[in-house]
Amino acid sequence: MKERIMATENKLSDTLLRKLHGKPQSRQKMMADGRGLSVRVSRQGGVSFVFTWREGGRDSTPKAVTLGRYPDTGLKQARQIRDRYRVQLAEQGTLTLQNETFTQNESESVAVGITAPEQAVTVRDALEYWFTGYAKSHRKGWKRDEERITKYVYSTLGDSPVDSCSIREWVDCFERIREKYPVSAGAAFQVCRQALRYCRLRGYSTSRVLDDFRLSDMGSKGEKRDRVLSEPEVSSLWCALQEDEGIYTSQPYLRHLVTLLVIFGCRTHEIRESRWQEWDLKRRLWTIPASRSKNGRIIVRPVPERLVPWLERLRGKHHERDYILGEFRSQVQMSKQGGQQWQWLGHEQKWRNHDIRRTVATWLNEAGVNTWVVEHLLGHAVAGVAGIYNRAQYLDEKEKALNVWLDCLLVFSDGVLRLPDEKKV
């Protein structure tokens, strides 16, 4: 008898819902699961859970609440909410909806989540929930995302309840960013949209206001750049980095950062986040752990012998502090300064720190270094089967390539290789 009752109550299945979801229908239909729970299937194939009840007997007007949309809300969760509401009706004779909001063009309310939080979840809470639960373990660039969100989103919407933030408030936030930094606006929007979905799927919040927007509605996608510094530009940059009195004199952090970028052609964050424990100056190796590399694999770069005295002096200058540059500075902090160097040097075309990396790669290839050696030196993932089975580091080849590049720098700087804080090397 009990089995027959359960079958009557739970008529629907996940298999059926998966078949219905996303499949266009000739008309809207309702399908009962039992005990007041049904699913509404729209003509477009959208599936929503609906709970229907009466508070004054069979003669009273029925009321309905949408519990959530499938698959964001699962069948098991919908049944749990239904059972909780039925207990409340039996005990109180009326239903008090928790976490309810109202959808446009509908008279029904939407109740999502099994328990209501003691305090409203703010935009900051929701985004930090996503950073902690997902981004930090799945996104290599989460620190940059966090810096961007802290600077642009928390300052305007951080303390606002996330489920109460209107479309207009979100649009205003991203439009303010977009006026000056369209690419940052687009990146911030993508983070927020993904974070809200993550929170909704886990019952932490219910907001859907960003679902229908595209990246182009809120910002821009970064264009692929092809800027390569010319020989005169590299020469003027390198000489400026070596000057005892010059544009970098008052900015030692930037000076040392750019010097290492020019020598190694590495990513900016690889230097900014680098600690001395990664540098073995006796063996002349710089090892970036997989947890810090963009491709998720260890990157090993040889250190040219001519650079060792400069690195030792740098470590002494910072009294062997943890970070190789003496302290950690974020991408947001350094991007403005890095983007102004071309003006300080009197260059006609704009360039950024990442363009130095492209410049090193281009010059090495033009100098006759094998492309696969350059790719390894840059820390690029090797495509195809070779990338799966071949784990060789090619240290000798990479060191030869770096020395070829240093020889080029000697030509650019009139035969003198004088690094910051060194008279001559």
Protein backbone atom coordinates (compact mmCIF):
# COMPACT_ATOMS: atom_id res chain seq x y z
CA MET A 1 0.00 0.00 0.00
CA LYS A 2 2.83 2.39 0.89
CA GLU A 3 4.52 1.72 -2.46
CA ARG A 4 1.28 2.57 -4.28
CA ILE A 5 0.99 5.88 -2.38
CA MET A 6 4.59 6.83 -3.20
CA ALA A 7 4.02 6.05 -6.86
CA THR A 8 0.90 8.24 -6.84
CA GLU A 9 2.78 11.10 -5.20
CA ASN A 10 5.92 10.99 -7.33
CA LYS A 11 4.68 10.56 -10.87
CA LEU A 12 7.51 12.43 -12.59
CA SER A 13 11.12 11.38 -13.11
CA ASP A 14 14.41 13.07 -13.98
CA THR A 15 14.50 11.06 -17.20
CA LEU A 16 11.18 12.55 -18.31
CA LEU A 17 12.23 16.09 -17.33
CA ARG A 18 15.47 15.79 -19.28
CA LYS A 19 13.50 14.75 -22.35
CA LEU A 20 11.09 17.67 -21.96
CA HIS A 21 13.71 20.31 -21.20
CA GLY A 22 14.58 22.40 -24.22
CA LYS A 23 12.16 20.57 -26.54
CA PRO A 24 9.58 22.89 -28.18
CA GLN A 25 5.94 22.01 -27.54
CA SER A 26 2.82 22.66 -29.61
CA ARG A 27 1.23 24.27 -26.53
CA GLN A 28 1.95 24.94 -22.87
CA LYS A 29 1.17 21.94 -20.68
CA MET A 30 1.00 21.07 -16.97
CA MET A 31 2.07 17.66 -15.67
CA ALA A 32 1.30 16.61 -12.08
CA ASP A 33 3.83 15.00 -9.76
CA GLY A 34 1.35 14.71 -6.90
CA ARG A 35 0.38 16.41 -3.61
CA GLY A 36 0.20 19.84 -5.23
CA LEU A 37 3.46 19.70 -7.18
CA SER A 38 3.40 19.97 -10.98
CA VAL A 39 5.71 20.99 -13.77
CA ARG A 40 4.79 23.61 -16.32
CA VAL A 41 6.30 23.05 -19.77
CA SER A 42 6.34 26.13 -21.99
CA ARG A 43 6.04 26.13 -25.76
CA GLN A 44 9.77 26.89 -25.94
CA GLY A 45 10.63 23.84 -23.83
CA GLY A 46 11.19 25.58 -20.50
CA VAL A 47 10.35 23.42 -17.48
CA SER A 48 9.27 25.01 -14.17
CA PHE A 49 8.12 23.46 -10.90
CA VAL A 50 4.77 24.79 -9.60
CA PHE A 51 3.16 24.20 -6.20
CA THR A 52 -0.62 24.73 -5.97
CA TRP A 53 -2.68 24.94 -2.77
CA ARG A 54 -5.88 26.29 -1.19
CA GLU A 55 -6.16 27.98 2.19
CA GLY A 56 -9.96 27.89 2.62
CA GLY A 57 -11.13 24.49 1.46
CA ARG A 58 -12.23 23.38 -1.97
CA ASP A 59 -14.42 26.44 -2.47
CA SER A 60 -11.50 28.87 -2.05
CA THR A 61 -9.46 30.26 -4.93
CA PRO A 62 -6.37 28.14 -5.62
CA LYS A 63 -2.97 29.77 -5.29
CA ALA A 64 0.24 28.82 -7.05
CA VAL A 65 3.93 29.48 -6.56
CA THR A 66 6.78 28.67 -8.94
CA LEU A 67 9.48 26.82 -7.00
CA GLY A 68 12.16 27.16 -9.65
CA ARG A 69 13.20 26.27 -13.16
CA TYR A 70 14.63 22.94 -14.19
CA PRO A 71 17.54 22.05 -14.16
CA ASP A 72 18.58 24.91 -11.82
CA THR A 73 16.09 23.45 -9.35
CA GLY A 74 16.05 19.65 -9.37
CA LEU A 75 13.10 17.32 -8.91
CA LYS A 76 14.31 16.20 -5.48
CA GLN A 77 14.68 19.79 -4.29
CA ALA A 78 11.22 20.72 -5.60
CA ARG A 79 9.68 17.82 -3.69
CA GLN A 80 11.44 18.89 -0.51
CA ILE A 81 10.08 22.42 -0.85
CA ARG A 82 6.59 21.01 -1.54
CA ASP A 83 6.73 18.82 1.57
CA ARG A 84 7.88 21.73 3.71
CA TYR A 85 5.04 23.91 2.46
CA ARG A 86 2.47 21.16 3.08
CA VAL A 87 3.66 20.82 6.68
CA GLN A 88 3.32 24.59 7.10
CA LEU A 89 -0.21 24.53 5.66
CA ALA A 90 -1.21 21.70 8.00
CA GLU A 91 0.17 23.48 11.06
CA GLN A 92 -0.75 27.11 10.30
CA GLY A 93 -3.51 26.94 7.71
CA THR A 94 -1.64 29.48 5.57
CA LEU A 95 1.57 29.56 3.60
CA THR A 96 4.37 32.06 4.23
CA LEU A 97 6.77 32.03 1.30
CA GLN A 98 10.50 32.38 2.02
CA ASN A 99 12.96 34.09 -0.31
CA GLU A 100 10.15 35.02 -2.68
CA THR A 101 10.47 37.45 -5.55
CA PHE A 102 8.07 38.27 -8.37
CA THR A 103 8.64 37.61 -12.03
CA GLN A 104 7.68 40.06 -14.75
CA ASN A 105 4.38 39.42 -16.55
CA GLU A 106 3.41 36.72 -14.04
CA SER A 107 1.11 36.81 -11.04
CA GLU A 108 2.97 33.93 -9.43
CA SER A 109 5.84 34.36 -7.02
CA VAL A 110 9.08 32.45 -7.31
CA ALA A 111 10.40 30.76 -4.19
CA VAL A 112 13.86 29.25 -4.49
CA GLY A 113 15.90 27.63 -1.75
CA ILE A 114 14.93 25.37 1.09
CA THR A 115 15.97 27.64 3.95
CA ALA A 116 16.04 31.39 4.15
CA PRO A 117 19.28 33.04 5.29
CA GLU A 118 19.19 35.05 8.49
CA GLN A 119 20.41 38.12 6.61
CA ALA A 120 20.09 39.09 2.98
CA VAL A 121 22.96 37.87 0.82
CA THR A 122 24.78 40.87 -0.63
CA VAL A 123 26.46 41.15 -4.01
CA ARG A 124 29.81 40.94 -2.22
CA ASP A 125 28.69 37.79 -0.37
CA ALA A 126 27.56 36.13 -3.60
CA LEU A 127 30.75 36.91 -5.50
CA GLU A 128 32.99 35.85 -2.61
CA TYR A 129 30.98 32.63 -2.36
CA TRP A 130 31.82 31.97 -6.03
CA PHE A 131 35.49 32.92 -5.65
CA THR A 132 35.89 30.62 -2.64
CA GLY A 133 33.80 27.72 -3.92
CA TYR A 134 34.79 27.71 -7.57
CA ALA A 135 37.14 30.31 -9.02
CA LYS A 136 40.16 29.78 -6.77
CA SER A 137 40.35 26.10 -7.67
CA HIS A 138 39.24 26.25 -11.30
CA ARG A 139 40.40 29.57 -12.79
CA LYS A 140 44.06 30.45 -13.28
CA GLY A 141 43.27 34.15 -13.51
CA TRP A 142 41.04 34.37 -10.46
CA LYS A 143 43.26 36.91 -8.70
CA ARG A 144 42.93 39.34 -11.57
CA ASP A 145 39.17 38.75 -11.62
CA GLU A 146 39.00 39.42 -7.89
CA GLU A 147 41.01 42.63 -8.22
CA ARG A 148 38.73 43.83 -11.01
CA ILE A 149 35.54 42.99 -9.10
CA THR A 150 36.85 44.64 -5.93
CA LYS A 151 37.71 47.83 -7.78
CA TYR A 152 34.66 48.19 -10.00
CA VAL A 153 31.72 46.21 -8.57
CA TYR A 154 32.09 46.18 -4.79
CA SER A 155 32.46 49.96 -4.76
CA THR A 156 28.96 50.43 -6.22
CA LEU A 157 26.91 47.29 -5.53
CA GLY A 158 28.92 45.40 -2.91
CA ASP A 159 26.57 46.01 0.02
CA SER A 160 23.31 45.69 -1.95
CA PRO A 161 21.19 42.54 -1.46
CA VAL A 162 21.93 40.50 -4.57
CA ASP A 163 18.36 39.27 -5.06
CA SER A 164 17.03 42.83 -4.85
CA CYS A 165 19.46 44.37 -7.35
CA SER A 166 17.51 45.43 -10.41
CA ILE A 167 18.58 45.15 -14.02
CA ARG A 168 18.98 48.92 -14.08
CA GLU A 169 21.44 48.88 -11.17
CA TRP A 170 23.60 46.23 -12.83
CA VAL A 171 23.50 48.01 -16.18
CA ASP A 172 24.48 51.33 -14.57
CA CYS A 173 27.40 49.62 -12.83
CA PHE A 174 28.81 48.10 -16.02
CA GLU A 175 28.15 51.22 -18.11
CA ARG A 176 30.26 53.29 -15.71
CA ILE A 177 33.14 50.85 -16.16
CA ARG A 178 32.59 50.66 -19.90
CA GLU A 179 33.04 54.40 -20.42
CA LYS A 180 36.79 54.13 -19.78
CA TYR A 181 37.56 50.42 -19.71
CA PRO A 182 35.26 48.43 -22.02
CA VAL A 183 37.33 45.25 -21.83
CA SER A 184 37.35 45.34 -18.02
CA ALA A 185 33.59 45.92 -18.08
CA GLY A 186 33.11 42.84 -20.25
CA ALA A 187 35.34 40.70 -18.05
CA ALA A 188 33.61 41.89 -14.85
CA PHE A 189 30.20 41.16 -16.37
CA GLN A 190 31.19 37.60 -17.29
CA VAL A 191 32.43 36.98 -13.74
CA CYS A 192 29.22 38.35 -12.20
CA ARG A 193 26.96 36.38 -14.52
CA GLN A 194 28.79 33.14 -13.81
CA ALA A 195 28.88 33.84 -10.07
CA LEU A 196 25.13 34.50 -9.88
CA ARG A 197 24.40 31.27 -11.73
CA TYR A 198 26.74 29.37 -9.41
CA CYS A 199 24.99 30.81 -6.34
CA ARG A 200 21.53 30.09 -7.76
CA LEU A 201 22.32 26.45 -8.51
CA ARG A 202 23.41 25.98 -4.91
CA GLY A 203 20.45 27.75 -3.34
CA TYR A 204 22.61 30.61 -2.04
CA SER A 205 20.73 33.31 -3.96
CA THR A 206 18.05 33.49 -6.65
CA SER A 207 18.97 36.35 -8.98
CA ARG A 208 18.61 35.84 -12.75
CA VAL A 209 18.87 39.45 -13.87
CA LEU A 210 22.08 38.93 -15.90
CA ASP A 211 20.99 35.74 -17.67
CA ASP A 212 19.72 37.34 -20.87
CA PHE A 213 22.61 39.74 -21.42
CA ARG A 214 25.52 39.09 -23.75
CA LEU A 215 29.11 40.24 -23.34
CA SER A 216 28.60 42.87 -26.04
CA ASP A 217 25.70 44.36 -24.06
CA MET A 218 27.90 45.22 -21.09
CA GLY A 219 31.43 45.59 -22.44
CA SER A 220 33.92 44.37 -25.00
CA LYS A 221 36.10 41.35 -25.52
CA GLY A 222 39.81 42.01 -25.61
CA GLU A 223 41.11 42.06 -29.15
CA LYS A 224 44.06 39.92 -30.14
CA ARG A 225 47.11 42.13 -30.25
CA ASP A 226 50.00 41.95 -32.70
CA ARG A 227 52.23 44.77 -31.40
CA VAL A 228 55.94 43.99 -31.64
CA LEU A 229 58.53 46.53 -30.52
CA SER A 230 60.98 47.59 -33.21
CA GLU A 231 64.75 47.51 -32.81
CA PRO A 232 64.96 51.24 -31.90
CA GLU A 233 62.13 50.78 -29.38
CA VAL A 234 63.75 47.77 -27.72
CA SER A 235 67.06 49.63 -27.63
CA SER A 236 65.56 52.73 -26.00
CA LEU A 237 63.64 50.60 -23.49
CA TRP A 238 66.67 48.53 -22.57
CA CYS A 239 68.94 51.57 -22.23
CA ALA A 240 66.35 53.34 -20.06
CA LEU A 241 66.24 50.31 -17.75
CA GLN A 242 70.03 50.52 -17.35
CA GLU A 243 70.31 54.24 -16.68
CA ASP A 244 71.33 55.29 -13.18
CA GLU A 245 69.31 58.47 -13.56
CA GLY A 246 66.27 58.15 -15.78
CA ILE A 247 62.56 57.49 -16.06
CA TYR A 248 62.73 54.30 -13.97
CA THR A 249 64.90 55.69 -11.17
CA SER A 250 61.96 56.49 -8.90
CA GLN A 251 60.16 53.24 -9.76
CA PRO A 252 62.46 50.34 -8.84
CA TYR A 253 59.63 47.80 -8.73
CA LEU A 254 58.59 48.53 -12.31
CA ARG A 255 62.23 48.72 -13.38
CA HIS A 256 63.07 45.25 -12.09
CA LEU A 257 59.79 43.80 -13.33
CA VAL A 258 60.27 45.02 -16.90
CA THR A 259 63.95 44.02 -16.91
CA LEU A 260 63.01 40.41 -16.19
CA LEU A 261 60.16 40.55 -18.69
CA VAL A 262 62.59 41.67 -21.39
CA ILE A 263 65.13 38.97 -20.56
CA PHE A 264 62.80 35.98 -20.17
CA GLY A 265 59.78 36.94 -22.27
CA CYS A 266 57.64 35.57 -19.45
CA ARG A 267 54.11 36.47 -18.40
CA THR A 268 53.80 39.46 -16.10
CA HIS A 269 52.14 37.51 -13.28
CA GLU A 270 54.93 34.93 -13.36
CA ILE A 271 57.31 37.62 -12.12
CA ARG A 272 54.92 39.57 -9.89
CA GLU A 273 53.97 36.44 -7.95
CA SER A 274 57.42 34.84 -8.02
CA ARG A 275 59.13 33.97 -4.73
CA TRP A 276 62.79 33.23 -4.13
CA GLN A 277 62.05 29.59 -3.38
CA GLU A 278 61.42 29.16 -7.13
CA TRP A 279 64.93 30.35 -7.99
CA ASP A 280 67.88 27.96 -7.66
CA LEU A 281 70.81 30.24 -8.47
CA LYS A 282 73.39 27.49 -7.92
CA ARG A 283 71.82 25.28 -10.57
CA ARG A 284 70.67 28.38 -12.47
CA LEU A 285 67.03 27.32 -12.76
CA TRP A 286 63.75 29.18 -12.31
CA THR A 287 60.90 26.69 -11.69
CA ILE A 288 57.29 27.86 -11.79
CA PRO A 289 55.00 25.28 -10.13
CA ALA A 290 51.96 23.97 -11.97
CA SER A 291 49.69 25.79 -9.53
CA ARG A 292 51.00 29.13 -10.84
CA SER A 293 51.37 28.41 -14.52
CA LYS A 294 48.70 29.31 -17.03
CA ASN A 295 48.75 25.89 -18.70
CA GLY A 296 48.68 23.96 -15.42
CA ARG A 297 52.14 22.43 -15.96
CA ILE A 298 55.52 23.09 -14.41
CA ILE A 299 57.59 25.65 -16.32
CA VAL A 300 61.38 25.42 -15.95
CA ARG A 301 63.54 28.20 -17.37
CA PRO A 302 67.34 28.25 -17.26
CA VAL A 303 68.92 31.37 -15.80
CA PRO A 304 71.71 32.81 -17.99
CA GLU A 305 75.01 32.86 -16.14
CA ARG A 306 75.40 36.57 -16.88
CA LEU A 307 72.20 37.28 -14.96
CA VAL A 308 73.13 35.50 -11.71
CA PRO A 309 75.12 38.41 -10.16
CA TRP A 310 72.22 40.77 -10.83
CA LEU A 311 69.72 38.38 -9.20
CA GLU A 312 71.99 37.95 -6.18
CA ARG A 313 72.22 41.71 -5.84
CA LEU A 314 68.43 41.97 -6.16
CA ARG A 315 67.97 39.46 -3.36
CA GLY A 316 70.41 41.38 -1.18
CA LYS A 317 68.64 44.63 -1.98
CA HIS A 318 65.36 43.21 -0.70
CA HIS A 319 67.03 41.56 2.31
CA GLU A 320 65.90 38.15 1.08
CA ARG A 321 62.21 38.98 1.35
CA ASP A 322 59.84 36.31 0.12
CA TYR A 323 58.88 37.93 -3.18
CA ILE A 324 61.64 38.32 -5.75
CA LEU A 325 60.55 41.93 -6.38
CA GLY A 326 60.38 42.66 -2.66
CA GLU A 327 56.59 42.68 -2.41
CA PHE A 328 53.46 41.62 -4.24
CA ARG A 329 51.66 44.13 -6.44
CA SER A 330 48.49 43.32 -8.30
CA GLN A 331 47.85 43.46 -12.02
CA VAL A 332 45.47 46.37 -11.50
CA GLN A 333 48.21 48.31 -9.68
CA MET A 334 50.77 47.74 -12.41
CA SER A 335 48.65 47.93 -15.57
CA LYS A 336 48.40 51.73 -15.54
CA GLN A 337 52.15 52.26 -15.11
CA GLY A 338 52.95 49.54 -17.62
CA GLY A 339 50.66 51.16 -20.16
CA GLN A 340 52.43 54.53 -19.87
CA GLN A 341 55.97 53.44 -20.63
CA TRP A 342 55.66 54.00 -24.37
CA GLN A 343 54.86 57.66 -23.68
CA TRP A 344 57.74 58.07 -21.23
CA LEU A 345 60.11 56.70 -23.86
CA GLY A 346 58.69 58.84 -26.66
CA HIS A 347 57.48 55.90 -28.75
CA GLU A 348 54.84 56.69 -31.37
CA GLN A 349 52.69 53.57 -30.96
CA LYS A 350 51.21 52.29 -27.72
CA TRP A 351 52.47 49.07 -26.21
CA ARG A 352 51.94 47.19 -22.96
CA ASN A 353 54.05 44.85 -20.87
CA HIS A 354 52.54 41.77 -22.51
CA ASP A 355 53.74 43.04 -25.90
CA ILE A 356 57.31 42.58 -24.64
CA ARG A 357 56.62 38.85 -24.52
CA ARG A 358 55.52 38.85 -28.16
CA THR A 359 58.59 40.90 -29.05
CA VAL A 360 60.98 38.39 -27.46
CA ALA A 361 59.26 35.50 -29.27
CA THR A 362 59.41 37.29 -32.61
CA TRP A 363 63.07 38.27 -32.32
CA LEU A 364 64.12 34.76 -31.24
CA ASN A 365 62.36 33.20 -34.21
CA GLU A 366 63.94 35.73 -36.55
CA ALA A 367 67.33 34.95 -34.99
CA GLY A 368 66.94 31.33 -36.11
CA VAL A 369 65.92 29.69 -32.82
CA ASN A 370 63.65 26.70 -33.41
CA THR A 371 60.00 27.57 -32.88
CA TRP A 372 59.40 24.66 -30.49
CA VAL A 373 62.25 25.91 -28.27
CA VAL A 374 60.71 29.39 -28.23
CA GLU A 375 57.32 27.89 -27.32
CA HIS A 376 58.87 25.97 -24.42
CA LEU A 377 60.69 29.09 -23.27
CA LEU A 378 57.46 31.09 -23.30
CA GLY A 379 55.72 28.39 -21.26
CA HIS A 380 53.15 27.53 -23.93
CA ALA A 381 51.39 24.17 -23.78
CA VAL A 382 52.47 21.82 -26.56
CA ALA A 383 49.49 20.78 -28.67
CA GLY A 384 48.50 17.25 -29.64
CA VAL A 385 49.94 13.91 -28.62
CA ALA A 386 53.41 15.41 -28.16
CA GLY A 387 52.05 17.60 -25.40
CA ILE A 388 50.69 14.54 -23.58
CA TYR A 389 53.71 12.24 -23.75
CA ASN A 390 56.68 14.56 -24.15
CA ARG A 391 57.63 16.14 -20.82
CA ALA A 392 61.20 17.09 -21.76
CA GLN A 393 62.33 20.54 -20.57
CA TYR A 394 65.05 21.14 -23.21
CA LEU A 395 67.11 23.18 -20.74
CA ASP A 396 70.24 23.35 -22.89
CA GLU A 397 68.30 24.54 -25.92
CA LYS A 398 66.40 27.13 -23.88
CA GLU A 399 69.60 28.47 -22.31
CA LYS A 400 71.17 28.84 -25.75
CA ALA A 401 68.06 30.72 -26.90
CA LEU A 402 68.22 33.10 -23.92
CA ASN A 403 71.89 33.77 -24.60
CA VAL A 404 71.06 34.52 -28.23
CA TRP A 405 68.54 37.07 -26.98
CA LEU A 406 71.04 38.59 -24.55
CA ASP A 407 73.51 38.91 -27.41
CA CYS A 408 70.81 40.80 -29.32
CA LEU A 409 70.35 43.12 -26.35
CA LEU A 410 74.08 43.79 -26.35
CA VAL A 411 73.78 45.00 -29.93
CA PHE A 412 70.75 47.13 -29.07
CA SER A 413 72.63 48.80 -26.21
CA ASP A 414 75.90 49.48 -28.06
CA GLY A 415 77.66 46.39 -26.74
CA VAL A 416 77.07 47.20 -23.07
CA LEU A 417 74.98 44.92 -20.88
CA ARG A 418 74.46 46.97 -17.75
CA LEU A 419 71.53 45.84 -15.68
CA PRO A 420 69.81 47.89 -12.95
CA ASP A 421 71.95 48.28 -9.84
CA GLU A 422 74.97 46.90 -11.70
CA LYS A 423 77.76 48.96 -13.23
CA LYS A 424 78.71 46.34 -15.81
CA VAL A 425 78.13 42.68 -16.37
